[in-house]
Structures are given as structure tokens and as C-alpha cells.
Amino acid sequence: MAEYLMLVHPDPAFVAPTPGTEVSSPYQSFMETYADHLLGGAALTGPETATSVRTDAEGNVTVTDGVFVESKEVLGGYWVLRAADLDEAISIAKQVPVRNGGIELRPIAIRS
């Protein structure tokens, strides 16, 4: 089995949930259906709440308000997914109830 980071990129007009908000029923249903494949995950607050920590080549650290990379796309949440292979991961990702958005799959490097 392989592990993938499944990044949820909702519609840019998406309004991020506030902490403590219940999961919407389409997402709840997805998580129940694929519970054996989902190792963890969460919805994220909006990009306006982000803090970036950057280190330059000399080791100097800068902390700034805002996202690490400016983009029109929004990162709405993530899951760590266990699947037999990329084809199964894609099959599961197609079932995420994100509308007018998308899912990005990234293989997780082998851990020792």
C-alpha cells in the first residue's frame, strides 16, 4: 500500500469554515465511505489566517502574515490517503464532493 497527500482545492469563492464548524454532510458521507483509506486530515481556515516562516541560505528566519505563495487557488483541506496504487488513489479522489474545484494527489515519500 502507498500513502498520498490529498489536497483539496475548492472553488476560489469558498468560505472557509470557522474552527468547531461541523463537517458538511457530503464530506461526512465521503469520509465514512472511505474511512479505511483515510489516515487523517482536516479542513483548513482561510488563507487570511496563514503565517509563513521562511529561512534563507544563511539561516535567517523571517515570519510574515499570509500564505507562503500567493495564488488564486485556495487550499481548503487535506487528507492522508492509503491506497494500493495511484489508480486507486485517483478513483477515491474522484469521489471527493468538491465542486468547481479539484484534488491534488502527492505520493508521500517512504518513511523508515
PDB file of N, CA and C in Angstrom:
ATOM      1  N   MET A   1       0.845  -1.190   0.000  1.00  0.00           N
ATOM      2  CA  MET A   1       0.000   0.000   0.000  1.00  0.00           C
ATOM      3  C   MET A   1       0.884   1.246   0.000  1.00  0.00           C
ATOM      4  N   ALA A   2       0.416   2.251  -0.685  1.00  0.00           N
ATOM      5  CA  ALA A   2       1.119   3.533  -0.753  1.00  0.00           C
ATOM      6  C   ALA A   2       0.295   4.587  -0.018  1.00  0.00           C
ATOM      7  N   GLU A   3       0.955   5.668   0.362  1.00  0.00           N
ATOM      8  CA  GLU A   3       0.266   6.785   1.007  1.00  0.00           C
ATOM      9  C   GLU A   3       0.390   8.016   0.129  1.00  0.00           C
ATOM     10  N   TYR A   4      -0.688   8.789   0.100  1.00  0.00           N
ATOM     11  CA  TYR A   4      -0.754  10.004  -0.708  1.00  0.00           C
ATOM     12  C   TYR A   4      -1.290  11.142   0.146  1.00  0.00           C
ATOM     13  N   LEU A   5      -0.792  12.334  -0.107  1.00  0.00           N
ATOM     14  CA  LEU A   5      -1.385  13.532   0.470  1.00  0.00           C
ATOM     15  C   LEU A   5      -2.428  13.992  -0.535  1.00  0.00           C
ATOM     16  N   MET A   6      -3.655  14.108  -0.099  1.00  0.00           N
ATOM     17  CA  MET A   6      -4.751  14.521  -0.956  1.00  0.00           C
ATOM     18  C   MET A   6      -5.131  15.948  -0.551  1.00  0.00           C
ATOM     19  N   LEU A   7      -4.770  16.915  -1.388  1.00  0.00           N
ATOM     20  CA  LEU A   7      -5.024  18.328  -1.106  1.00  0.00           C
ATOM     21  C   LEU A   7      -6.320  18.757  -1.777  1.00  0.00           C
ATOM     22  N   VAL A   8      -7.197  19.398  -1.021  1.00  0.00           N
ATOM     23  CA  VAL A   8      -8.492  19.836  -1.535  1.00  0.00           C
ATOM     24  C   VAL A   8      -8.397  21.310  -1.912  1.00  0.00           C
ATOM     25  N   HIS A   9      -8.627  21.593  -3.189  1.00  0.00           N
ATOM     26  CA  HIS A   9      -8.628  22.967  -3.701  1.00  0.00           C
ATOM     27  C   HIS A   9     -10.062  23.311  -4.098  1.00  0.00           C
ATOM     28  N   PRO A  10     -10.835  23.931  -3.197  1.00  0.00           N
ATOM     29  CA  PRO A  10     -12.229  24.250  -3.512  1.00  0.00           C
ATOM     30  C   PRO A  10     -12.335  25.454  -4.440  1.00  0.00           C
ATOM     31  N   ASP A  11     -13.552  25.750  -4.816  1.00  0.00           N
ATOM     32  CA  ASP A  11     -13.863  26.946  -5.594  1.00  0.00           C
ATOM     33  C   ASP A  11     -13.211  28.146  -4.910  1.00  0.00           C
ATOM     34  N   PRO A  12     -12.561  29.050  -5.671  1.00  0.00           N
ATOM     35  CA  PRO A  12     -11.932  30.232  -5.053  1.00  0.00           C
ATOM     36  C   PRO A  12     -12.903  31.090  -4.243  1.00  0.00           C
ATOM     37  N   ALA A  13     -14.203  30.979  -4.516  1.00  0.00           N
ATOM     38  CA  ALA A  13     -15.198  31.729  -3.740  1.00  0.00           C
ATOM     39  C   ALA A  13     -15.540  31.016  -2.429  1.00  0.00           C
ATOM     40  N   PHE A  14     -14.906  29.886  -2.192  1.00  0.00           N
ATOM     41  CA  PHE A  14     -15.120  29.083  -0.987  1.00  0.00           C
ATOM     42  C   PHE A  14     -14.933  29.927   0.268  1.00  0.00           C
ATOM     43  N   VAL A  15     -15.842  29.772   1.205  1.00  0.00           N
ATOM     44  CA  VAL A  15     -15.716  30.438   2.501  1.00  0.00           C
ATOM     45  C   VAL A  15     -15.257  29.378   3.494  1.00  0.00           C
ATOM     46  N   ALA A  16     -14.078  29.566   4.029  1.00  0.00           N
ATOM     47  CA  ALA A  16     -13.500  28.581   4.945  1.00  0.00           C
ATOM     48  C   ALA A  16     -14.343  28.464   6.208  1.00  0.00           C
ATOM     49  N   PRO A  17     -14.455  27.237   6.724  1.00  0.00           N
ATOM     50  CA  PRO A  17     -15.194  27.062   7.968  1.00  0.00           C
ATOM     51  C   PRO A  17     -14.435  27.671   9.142  1.00  0.00           C
ATOM     52  N   THR A  18     -15.171  28.060  10.138  1.00  0.00           N
ATOM     53  CA  THR A  18     -14.527  28.538  11.356  1.00  0.00           C
ATOM     54  C   THR A  18     -14.236  27.318  12.236  1.00  0.00           C
ATOM     55  N   PRO A  19     -13.231  27.400  13.091  1.00  0.00           N
ATOM     56  CA  PRO A  19     -12.932  26.263  13.966  1.00  0.00           C
ATOM     57  C   PRO A  19     -14.173  25.840  14.749  1.00  0.00           C
ATOM     58  N   GLY A  20     -14.382  24.535  14.829  1.00  0.00           N
ATOM     59  CA  GLY A  20     -15.529  23.998  15.549  1.00  0.00           C
ATOM     60  C   GLY A  20     -16.755  23.782  14.683  1.00  0.00           C
ATOM     61  N   THR A  21     -16.698  24.193  13.403  1.00  0.00           N
ATOM     62  CA  THR A  21     -17.819  24.009  12.493  1.00  0.00           C
ATOM     63  C   THR A  21     -17.957  22.530  12.154  1.00  0.00           C
ATOM     64  N   GLU A  22     -19.195  22.051  12.066  1.00  0.00           N
ATOM     65  CA  GLU A  22     -19.409  20.656  11.707  1.00  0.00           C
ATOM     66  C   GLU A  22     -19.090  20.433  10.236  1.00  0.00           C
ATOM     67  N   VAL A  23     -18.679  19.209   9.918  1.00  0.00           N
ATOM     68  CA  VAL A  23     -18.379  18.826   8.541  1.00  0.00           C
ATOM     69  C   VAL A  23     -19.691  18.719   7.772  1.00  0.00           C
ATOM     70  N   SER A  24     -19.726  19.266   6.540  1.00  0.00           N
ATOM     71  CA  SER A  24     -20.945  19.188   5.736  1.00  0.00           C
ATOM     72  C   SER A  24     -21.255  17.736   5.402  1.00  0.00           C
ATOM     73  N   SER A  25     -22.542  17.422   5.212  1.00  0.00           N
ATOM     74  CA  SER A  25     -22.932  16.028   5.018  1.00  0.00           C
ATOM     75  C   SER A  25     -22.313  15.358   3.796  1.00  0.00           C
ATOM     76  N   PRO A  26     -22.103  16.037   2.641  1.00  0.00           N
ATOM     77  CA  PRO A  26     -21.428  15.326   1.551  1.00  0.00           C
ATOM     78  C   PRO A  26     -20.007  14.890   1.934  1.00  0.00           C
ATOM     79  N   TYR A  27     -19.281  15.741   2.645  1.00  0.00           N
ATOM     80  CA  TYR A  27     -17.927  15.376   3.075  1.00  0.00           C
ATOM     81  C   TYR A  27     -17.980  14.302   4.156  1.00  0.00           C
ATOM     82  N   GLN A  28     -18.943  14.395   5.056  1.00  0.00           N
ATOM     83  CA  GLN A  28     -19.093  13.384   6.108  1.00  0.00           C
ATOM     84  C   GLN A  28     -19.354  12.021   5.482  1.00  0.00           C
ATOM     85  N   SER A  29     -20.222  11.985   4.481  1.00  0.00           N
ATOM     86  CA  SER A  29     -20.533  10.741   3.787  1.00  0.00           C
ATOM     87  C   SER A  29     -19.288  10.175   3.095  1.00  0.00           C
ATOM     88  N   PHE A  30     -18.517  11.051   2.429  1.00  0.00           N
ATOM     89  CA  PHE A  30     -17.279  10.619   1.778  1.00  0.00           C
ATOM     90  C   PHE A  30     -16.331  10.005   2.805  1.00  0.00           C
ATOM     91  N   MET A  31     -16.166  10.674   3.945  1.00  0.00           N
ATOM     92  CA  MET A  31     -15.228  10.192   4.967  1.00  0.00           C
ATOM     93  C   MET A  31     -15.682   8.861   5.564  1.00  0.00           C
ATOM     94  N   GLU A  32     -16.979   8.672   5.716  1.00  0.00           N
ATOM     95  CA  GLU A  32     -17.480   7.398   6.229  1.00  0.00           C
ATOM     96  C   GLU A  32     -17.261   6.283   5.210  1.00  0.00           C
ATOM     97  N   THR A  33     -17.514   6.572   3.940  1.00  0.00           N
ATOM     98  CA  THR A  33     -17.354   5.573   2.881  1.00  0.00           C
ATOM     99  C   THR A  33     -15.907   5.110   2.756  1.00  0.00           C
ATOM    100  N   TYR A  34     -14.967   6.043   2.877  1.00  0.00           N
ATOM    101  CA  TYR A  34     -13.551   5.725   2.657  1.00  0.00           C
ATOM    102  C   TYR A  34     -12.732   5.724   3.949  1.00  0.00           C
ATOM    103  N   ALA A  35     -13.390   5.490   5.073  1.00  0.00           N
ATOM    104  CA  ALA A  35     -12.716   5.533   6.379  1.00  0.00           C
ATOM    105  C   ALA A  35     -11.505   4.602   6.442  1.00  0.00           C
ATOM    106  N   ASP A  36     -11.566   3.455   5.775  1.00  0.00           N
ATOM    107  CA  ASP A  36     -10.439   2.513   5.809  1.00  0.00           C
ATOM    108  C   ASP A  36      -9.231   3.025   5.031  1.00  0.00           C
ATOM    109  N   HIS A  37      -9.427   4.028   4.183  1.00  0.00           N
ATOM    110  CA  HIS A  37      -8.339   4.578   3.368  1.00  0.00           C
ATOM    111  C   HIS A  37      -7.803   5.910   3.907  1.00  0.00           C
ATOM    112  N   LEU A  38      -8.612   6.600   4.711  1.00  0.00           N
ATOM    113  CA  LEU A  38      -8.233   7.935   5.192  1.00  0.00           C
ATOM    114  C   LEU A  38      -7.533   7.815   6.537  1.00  0.00           C
ATOM    115  N   LEU A  39      -6.260   8.195   6.572  1.00  0.00           N
ATOM    116  CA  LEU A  39      -5.463   8.070   7.792  1.00  0.00           C
ATOM    117  C   LEU A  39      -5.536   9.307   8.673  1.00  0.00           C
ATOM    118  N   GLY A  40      -6.051  10.388   8.153  1.00  0.00           N
ATOM    119  CA  GLY A  40      -6.168  11.633   8.902  1.00  0.00           C
ATOM    120  C   GLY A  40      -6.393  12.769   7.937  1.00  0.00           C
ATOM    121  N   GLY A  41      -6.760  13.904   8.462  1.00  0.00           N
ATOM    122  CA  GLY A  41      -6.982  15.072   7.627  1.00  0.00           C
ATOM    123  C   GLY A  41      -7.812  16.095   8.366  1.00  0.00           C
ATOM    124  N   ALA A  42      -8.006  17.234   7.718  1.00  0.00           N
ATOM    125  CA  ALA A  42      -8.774  18.310   8.336  1.00  0.00           C
ATOM    126  C   ALA A  42      -9.104  19.378   7.309  1.00  0.00           C
ATOM    127  N   ALA A  43     -10.165  20.128   7.598  1.00  0.00           N
ATOM    128  CA  ALA A  43     -10.451  21.343   6.837  1.00  0.00           C
ATOM    129  C   ALA A  43      -9.517  22.427   7.363  1.00  0.00           C
ATOM    130  N   LEU A  44      -9.162  23.362   6.511  1.00  0.00           N
ATOM    131  CA  LEU A  44      -8.277  24.455   6.910  1.00  0.00           C
ATOM    132  C   LEU A  44      -9.041  25.768   6.942  1.00  0.00           C
ATOM    133  N   THR A  45      -8.618  26.675   7.805  1.00  0.00           N
ATOM    134  CA  THR A  45      -9.187  28.013   7.803  1.00  0.00           C
ATOM    135  C   THR A  45      -8.670  28.749   6.571  1.00  0.00           C
ATOM    136  N   GLY A  46      -9.219  29.912   6.297  1.00  0.00           N
ATOM    137  CA  GLY A  46      -8.879  30.650   5.081  1.00  0.00           C
ATOM    138  C   GLY A  46      -7.449  31.159   5.036  1.00  0.00           C
ATOM    139  N   PRO A  47      -6.984  31.519   3.834  1.00  0.00           N
ATOM    140  CA  PRO A  47      -5.607  31.981   3.664  1.00  0.00           C
ATOM    141  C   PRO A  47      -5.290  33.256   4.444  1.00  0.00           C
ATOM    142  N   GLU A  48      -6.308  34.017   4.790  1.00  0.00           N
ATOM    143  CA  GLU A  48      -6.069  35.240   5.563  1.00  0.00           C
ATOM    144  C   GLU A  48      -5.584  34.941   6.979  1.00  0.00           C
ATOM    145  N   THR A  49      -5.686  33.685   7.406  1.00  0.00           N
ATOM    146  CA  THR A  49      -5.228  33.308   8.750  1.00  0.00           C
ATOM    147  C   THR A  49      -3.830  32.700   8.742  1.00  0.00           C
ATOM    148  N   ALA A  50      -3.228  32.581   7.559  1.00  0.00           N
ATOM    149  CA  ALA A  50      -1.927  31.910   7.430  1.00  0.00           C
ATOM    150  C   ALA A  50      -0.781  32.753   7.979  1.00  0.00           C
ATOM    151  N   THR A  51       0.236  32.078   8.451  1.00  0.00           N
ATOM    152  CA  THR A  51       1.508  32.681   8.841  1.00  0.00           C
ATOM    153  C   THR A  51       2.604  31.892   8.139  1.00  0.00           C
ATOM    154  N   SER A  52       3.544  32.585   7.513  1.00  0.00           N
ATOM    155  CA  SER A  52       4.642  31.925   6.801  1.00  0.00           C
ATOM    156  C   SER A  52       5.948  32.118   7.556  1.00  0.00           C
ATOM    157  N   VAL A  53       6.704  31.045   7.663  1.00  0.00           N
ATOM    158  CA  VAL A  53       8.022  31.072   8.299  1.00  0.00           C
ATOM    159  C   VAL A  53       9.029  30.682   7.219  1.00  0.00           C
ATOM    160  N   ARG A  54       9.947  31.582   6.893  1.00  0.00           N
ATOM    161  CA  ARG A  54      10.924  31.350   5.825  1.00  0.00           C
ATOM    162  C   ARG A  54      12.333  31.456   6.383  1.00  0.00           C
ATOM    163  N   THR A  55      13.200  30.585   5.880  1.00  0.00           N
ATOM    164  CA  THR A  55      14.608  30.597   6.269  1.00  0.00           C
ATOM    165  C   THR A  55      15.448  30.787   5.019  1.00  0.00           C
ATOM    166  N   ASP A  56      16.363  31.760   5.049  1.00  0.00           N
ATOM    167  CA  ASP A  56      17.222  31.995   3.878  1.00  0.00           C
ATOM    168  C   ASP A  56      18.469  31.115   3.952  1.00  0.00           C
ATOM    169  N   ALA A  57      19.343  31.253   2.965  1.00  0.00           N
ATOM    170  CA  ALA A  57      20.541  30.410   2.862  1.00  0.00           C
ATOM    171  C   ALA A  57      21.476  30.556   4.057  1.00  0.00           C
ATOM    172  N   GLU A  58      21.447  31.709   4.724  1.00  0.00           N
ATOM    173  CA  GLU A  58      22.312  31.933   5.888  1.00  0.00           C
ATOM    174  C   GLU A  58      21.661  31.477   7.187  1.00  0.00           C
ATOM    175  N   GLY A  59      20.423  30.988   7.109  1.00  0.00           N
ATOM    176  CA  GLY A  59      19.735  30.534   8.308  1.00  0.00           C
ATOM    177  C   GLY A  59      18.911  31.600   8.995  1.00  0.00           C
ATOM    178  N   ASN A  60      18.807  32.797   8.401  1.00  0.00           N
ATOM    179  CA  ASN A  60      17.976  33.854   8.973  1.00  0.00           C
ATOM    180  C   ASN A  60      16.505  33.513   8.762  1.00  0.00           C
ATOM    181  N   VAL A  61      15.719  33.696   9.795  1.00  0.00           N
ATOM    182  CA  VAL A  61      14.306  33.336   9.747  1.00  0.00           C
ATOM    183  C   VAL A  61      13.453  34.600   9.709  1.00  0.00           C
ATOM    184  N   THR A  62      12.471  34.595   8.816  1.00  0.00           N
ATOM    185  CA  THR A  62      11.509  35.689   8.705  1.00  0.00           C
ATOM    186  C   THR A  62      10.112  35.116   8.885  1.00  0.00           C
ATOM    187  N   VAL A  63       9.320  35.747   9.726  1.00  0.00           N
ATOM    188  CA  VAL A  63       7.937  35.338   9.948  1.00  0.00           C
ATOM    189  C   VAL A  63       7.043  36.452   9.420  1.00  0.00           C
ATOM    190  N   THR A  64       6.092  36.093   8.542  1.00  0.00           N
ATOM    191  CA  THR A  64       5.179  37.087   7.970  1.00  0.00           C
ATOM    192  C   THR A  64       3.751  36.572   8.007  1.00  0.00           C
ATOM    193  N   ASP A  65       2.819  37.504   8.054  1.00  0.00           N
ATOM    194  CA  ASP A  65       1.410  37.147   7.932  1.00  0.00           C
ATOM    195  C   ASP A  65       1.130  36.830   6.477  1.00  0.00           C
ATOM    196  N   GLY A  66       0.337  35.807   6.233  1.00  0.00           N
ATOM    197  CA  GLY A  66      -0.060  35.476   4.875  1.00  0.00           C
ATOM    198  C   GLY A  66       0.472  34.133   4.417  1.00  0.00           C
ATOM    199  N   VAL A  67      -0.007  33.735   3.242  1.00  0.00           N
ATOM    200  CA  VAL A  67       0.360  32.438   2.681  1.00  0.00           C
ATOM    201  C   VAL A  67       1.792  32.446   2.174  1.00  0.00           C
ATOM    202  N   PHE A  68       2.377  31.266   2.036  1.00  0.00           N
ATOM    203  CA  PHE A  68       3.763  31.128   1.589  1.00  0.00           C
ATOM    204  C   PHE A  68       3.909  31.557   0.136  1.00  0.00           C
ATOM    205  N   VAL A  69       2.955  31.167  -0.699  1.00  0.00           N
ATOM    206  CA  VAL A  69       2.969  31.527  -2.118  1.00  0.00           C
ATOM    207  C   VAL A  69       1.621  32.141  -2.464  1.00  0.00           C
ATOM    208  N   GLU A  70       1.632  33.344  -3.020  1.00  0.00           N
ATOM    209  CA  GLU A  70       0.389  33.986  -3.440  1.00  0.00           C
ATOM    210  C   GLU A  70      -0.207  33.212  -4.607  1.00  0.00           C
ATOM    211  N   SER A  71      -1.500  32.942  -4.547  1.00  0.00           N
ATOM    212  CA  SER A  71      -2.170  32.184  -5.591  1.00  0.00           C
ATOM    213  C   SER A  71      -3.652  32.503  -5.572  1.00  0.00           C
ATOM    214  N   LYS A  72      -4.293  32.341  -6.716  1.00  0.00           N
ATOM    215  CA  LYS A  72      -5.744  32.494  -6.765  1.00  0.00           C
ATOM    216  C   LYS A  72      -6.427  31.263  -6.192  1.00  0.00           C
ATOM    217  N   GLU A  73      -5.714  30.141  -6.197  1.00  0.00           N
ATOM    218  CA  GLU A  73      -6.280  28.909  -5.664  1.00  0.00           C
ATOM    219  C   GLU A  73      -6.265  28.927  -4.141  1.00  0.00           C
ATOM    220  N   VAL A  74      -7.219  28.229  -3.571  1.00  0.00           N
ATOM    221  CA  VAL A  74      -7.357  28.139  -2.121  1.00  0.00           C
ATOM    222  C   VAL A  74      -7.081  26.699  -1.710  1.00  0.00           C
ATOM    223  N   LEU A  75      -6.366  26.515  -0.633  1.00  0.00           N
ATOM    224  CA  LEU A  75      -6.189  25.185  -0.061  1.00  0.00           C
ATOM    225  C   LEU A  75      -7.214  25.049   1.055  1.00  0.00           C
ATOM    226  N   GLY A  76      -8.221  24.213   0.828  1.00  0.00           N
ATOM    227  CA  GLY A  76      -9.333  24.112   1.764  1.00  0.00           C
ATOM    228  C   GLY A  76      -9.193  23.015   2.797  1.00  0.00           C
ATOM    229  N   GLY A  77      -8.313  22.055   2.533  1.00  0.00           N
ATOM    230  CA  GLY A  77      -8.142  20.962   3.475  1.00  0.00           C
ATOM    231  C   GLY A  77      -7.252  19.886   2.893  1.00  0.00           C
ATOM    232  N   TYR A  78      -7.099  18.816   3.647  1.00  0.00           N
ATOM    233  CA  TYR A  78      -6.229  17.725   3.207  1.00  0.00           C
ATOM    234  C   TYR A  78      -6.643  16.422   3.876  1.00  0.00           C
ATOM    235  N   TRP A  79      -6.245  15.324   3.271  1.00  0.00           N
ATOM    236  CA  TRP A  79      -6.315  14.004   3.880  1.00  0.00           C
ATOM    237  C   TRP A  79      -5.023  13.275   3.572  1.00  0.00           C
ATOM    238  N   VAL A  80      -4.635  12.372   4.441  1.00  0.00           N
ATOM    239  CA  VAL A  80      -3.599  11.401   4.128  1.00  0.00           C
ATOM    240  C   VAL A  80      -4.362  10.136   3.742  1.00  0.00           C
ATOM    241  N   LEU A  81      -4.088   9.660   2.540  1.00  0.00           N
ATOM    242  CA  LEU A  81      -4.844   8.573   1.934  1.00  0.00           C
ATOM    243  C   LEU A  81      -3.956   7.349   1.754  1.00  0.00           C
ATOM    244  N   ARG A  82      -4.453   6.184   2.112  1.00  0.00           N
ATOM    245  CA  ARG A  82      -3.741   4.930   1.849  1.00  0.00           C
ATOM    246  C   ARG A  82      -4.475   4.227   0.709  1.00  0.00           C
ATOM    247  N   ALA A  83      -3.716   3.881  -0.335  1.00  0.00           N
ATOM    248  CA  ALA A  83      -4.298   3.216  -1.497  1.00  0.00           C
ATOM    249  C   ALA A  83      -3.306   2.197  -2.042  1.00  0.00           C
ATOM    250  N   ALA A  84      -3.818   1.230  -2.781  1.00  0.00           N
ATOM    251  CA  ALA A  84      -2.961   0.192  -3.356  1.00  0.00           C
ATOM    252  C   ALA A  84      -1.966   0.786  -4.340  1.00  0.00           C
ATOM    253  N   ASP A  85      -2.421   1.780  -5.097  1.00  0.00           N
ATOM    254  CA  ASP A  85      -1.574   2.404  -6.116  1.00  0.00           C
ATOM    255  C   ASP A  85      -2.209   3.726  -6.542  1.00  0.00           C
ATOM    256  N   LEU A  86      -1.567   4.410  -7.469  1.00  0.00           N
ATOM    257  CA  LEU A  86      -2.073   5.708  -7.925  1.00  0.00           C
ATOM    258  C   LEU A  86      -3.458   5.580  -8.545  1.00  0.00           C
ATOM    259  N   ASP A  87      -3.719   4.505  -9.269  1.00  0.00           N
ATOM    260  CA  ASP A  87      -5.039   4.337  -9.881  1.00  0.00           C
ATOM    261  C   ASP A  87      -6.141   4.297  -8.824  1.00  0.00           C
ATOM    262  N   GLU A  88      -5.906   3.578  -7.728  1.00  0.00           N
ATOM    263  CA  GLU A  88      -6.912   3.539  -6.666  1.00  0.00           C
ATOM    264  C   GLU A  88      -7.029   4.906  -5.998  1.00  0.00           C
ATOM    265  N   ALA A  89      -5.911   5.595  -5.796  1.00  0.00           N
ATOM    266  CA  ALA A  89      -5.947   6.937  -5.198  1.00  0.00           C
ATOM    267  C   ALA A  89      -6.764   7.887  -6.072  1.00  0.00           C
ATOM    268  N   ILE A  90      -6.576   7.818  -7.378  1.00  0.00           N
ATOM    269  CA  ILE A  90      -7.347   8.661  -8.305  1.00  0.00           C
ATOM    270  C   ILE A  90      -8.825   8.312  -8.231  1.00  0.00           C
ATOM    271  N   SER A  91      -9.135   7.029  -8.187  1.00  0.00           N
ATOM    272  CA  SER A  91     -10.523   6.590  -8.094  1.00  0.00           C
ATOM    273  C   SER A  91     -11.201   7.159  -6.847  1.00  0.00           C
ATOM    274  N   ILE A  92     -10.501   7.153  -5.728  1.00  0.00           N
ATOM    275  CA  ILE A  92     -11.045   7.708  -4.484  1.00  0.00           C
ATOM    276  C   ILE A  92     -11.138   9.228  -4.582  1.00  0.00           C
ATOM    277  N   ALA A  93     -10.109   9.874  -5.113  1.00  0.00           N
ATOM    278  CA  ALA A  93     -10.109  11.341  -5.235  1.00  0.00           C
ATOM    279  C   ALA A  93     -11.275  11.828  -6.086  1.00  0.00           C
ATOM    280  N   LYS A  94     -11.676  11.053  -7.078  1.00  0.00           N
ATOM    281  CA  LYS A  94     -12.812  11.428  -7.931  1.00  0.00           C
ATOM    282  C   LYS A  94     -14.117  11.493  -7.150  1.00  0.00           C
ATOM    283  N   GLN A  95     -14.157  10.847  -5.983  1.00  0.00           N
ATOM    284  CA  GLN A  95     -15.378  10.810  -5.182  1.00  0.00           C
ATOM    285  C   GLN A  95     -15.479  11.956  -4.174  1.00  0.00           C
ATOM    286  N   VAL A  96     -14.422  12.735  -4.015  1.00  0.00           N
ATOM    287  CA  VAL A  96     -14.465  13.868  -3.074  1.00  0.00           C
ATOM    288  C   VAL A  96     -15.504  14.864  -3.594  1.00  0.00           C
ATOM    289  N   PRO A  97     -16.440  15.294  -2.746  1.00  0.00           N
ATOM    290  CA  PRO A  97     -17.533  16.153  -3.206  1.00  0.00           C
ATOM    291  C   PRO A  97     -17.158  17.631  -3.368  1.00  0.00           C
ATOM    292  N   VAL A  98     -15.981  17.900  -3.916  1.00  0.00           N
ATOM    293  CA  VAL A  98     -15.567  19.283  -4.156  1.00  0.00           C
ATOM    294  C   VAL A  98     -16.182  19.714  -5.488  1.00  0.00           C
ATOM    295  N   ARG A  99     -16.846  20.844  -5.504  1.00  0.00           N
ATOM    296  CA  ARG A  99     -17.490  21.340  -6.721  1.00  0.00           C
ATOM    297  C   ARG A  99     -16.766  22.587  -7.192  1.00  0.00           C
ATOM    298  N   ASN A 100     -16.570  22.671  -8.496  1.00  0.00           N
ATOM    299  CA  ASN A 100     -15.892  23.827  -9.095  1.00  0.00           C
ATOM    300  C   ASN A 100     -14.500  24.014  -8.491  1.00  0.00           C
ATOM    301  N   GLY A 101     -13.859  22.904  -8.196  1.00  0.00           N
ATOM    302  CA  GLY A 101     -12.516  22.909  -7.628  1.00  0.00           C
ATOM    303  C   GLY A 101     -11.810  21.633  -8.023  1.00  0.00           C
ATOM    304  N   GLY A 102     -10.868  21.184  -7.224  1.00  0.00           N
ATOM    305  CA  GLY A 102     -10.145  19.978  -7.587  1.00  0.00           C
ATOM    306  C   GLY A 102      -9.381  19.372  -6.431  1.00  0.00           C
ATOM    307  N   ILE A 103      -8.790  18.237  -6.725  1.00  0.00           N
ATOM    308  CA  ILE A 103      -7.995  17.482  -5.763  1.00  0.00           C
ATOM    309  C   ILE A 103      -6.597  17.311  -6.337  1.00  0.00           C
ATOM    310  N   GLU A 104      -5.590  17.516  -5.522  1.00  0.00           N
ATOM    311  CA  GLU A 104      -4.202  17.271  -5.914  1.00  0.00           C
ATOM    312  C   GLU A 104      -3.698  16.091  -5.093  1.00  0.00           C
ATOM    313  N   LEU A 105      -3.141  15.098  -5.769  1.00  0.00           N
ATOM    314  CA  LEU A 105      -2.568  13.932  -5.092  1.00  0.00           C
ATOM    315  C   LEU A 105      -1.055  14.003  -5.149  1.00  0.00           C
ATOM    316  N   ARG A 106      -0.408  13.786  -4.017  1.00  0.00           N
ATOM    317  CA  ARG A 106       1.056  13.742  -3.962  1.00  0.00           C
ATOM    318  C   ARG A 106       1.475  12.489  -3.221  1.00  0.00           C
ATOM    319  N   PRO A 107       2.299  11.642  -3.846  1.00  0.00           N
ATOM    320  CA  PRO A 107       2.798  10.476  -3.116  1.00  0.00           C
ATOM    321  C   PRO A 107       3.624  10.931  -1.912  1.00  0.00           C
ATOM    322  N   ILE A 108       3.462  10.231  -0.807  1.00  0.00           N
ATOM    323  CA  ILE A 108       4.262  10.510   0.382  1.00  0.00           C
ATOM    324  C   ILE A 108       5.514   9.649   0.292  1.00  0.00           C
ATOM    325  N   ALA A 109       6.666  10.269   0.481  1.00  0.00           N
ATOM    326  CA  ALA A 109       7.940   9.550   0.396  1.00  0.00           C
ATOM    327  C   ALA A 109       7.968   8.429   1.425  1.00  0.00           C
ATOM    328  N   ILE A 110       8.663   7.388   1.104  1.00  0.00           N
ATOM    329  CA  ILE A 110       8.775   6.240   2.002  1.00  0.00           C
ATOM    330  C   ILE A 110       9.438   6.677   3.298  1.00  0.00           C
ATOM    331  N   ARG A 111       8.819   6.282   4.405  1.00  0.00           N
ATOM    332  CA  ARG A 111       9.370   6.605   5.723  1.00  0.00           C
ATOM    333  C   ARG A 111      10.061   5.382   6.279  1.00  0.00           C
ATOM    334  N   SER A 112      11.172   5.603   6.976  1.00  0.00           N
ATOM    335  CA  SER A 112      11.870   4.453   7.569  1.00  0.00           C
ATOM    336  C   SER A 112      11.567   4.349   9.037  1.00  0.00           C
TER     337      SER A 112
END
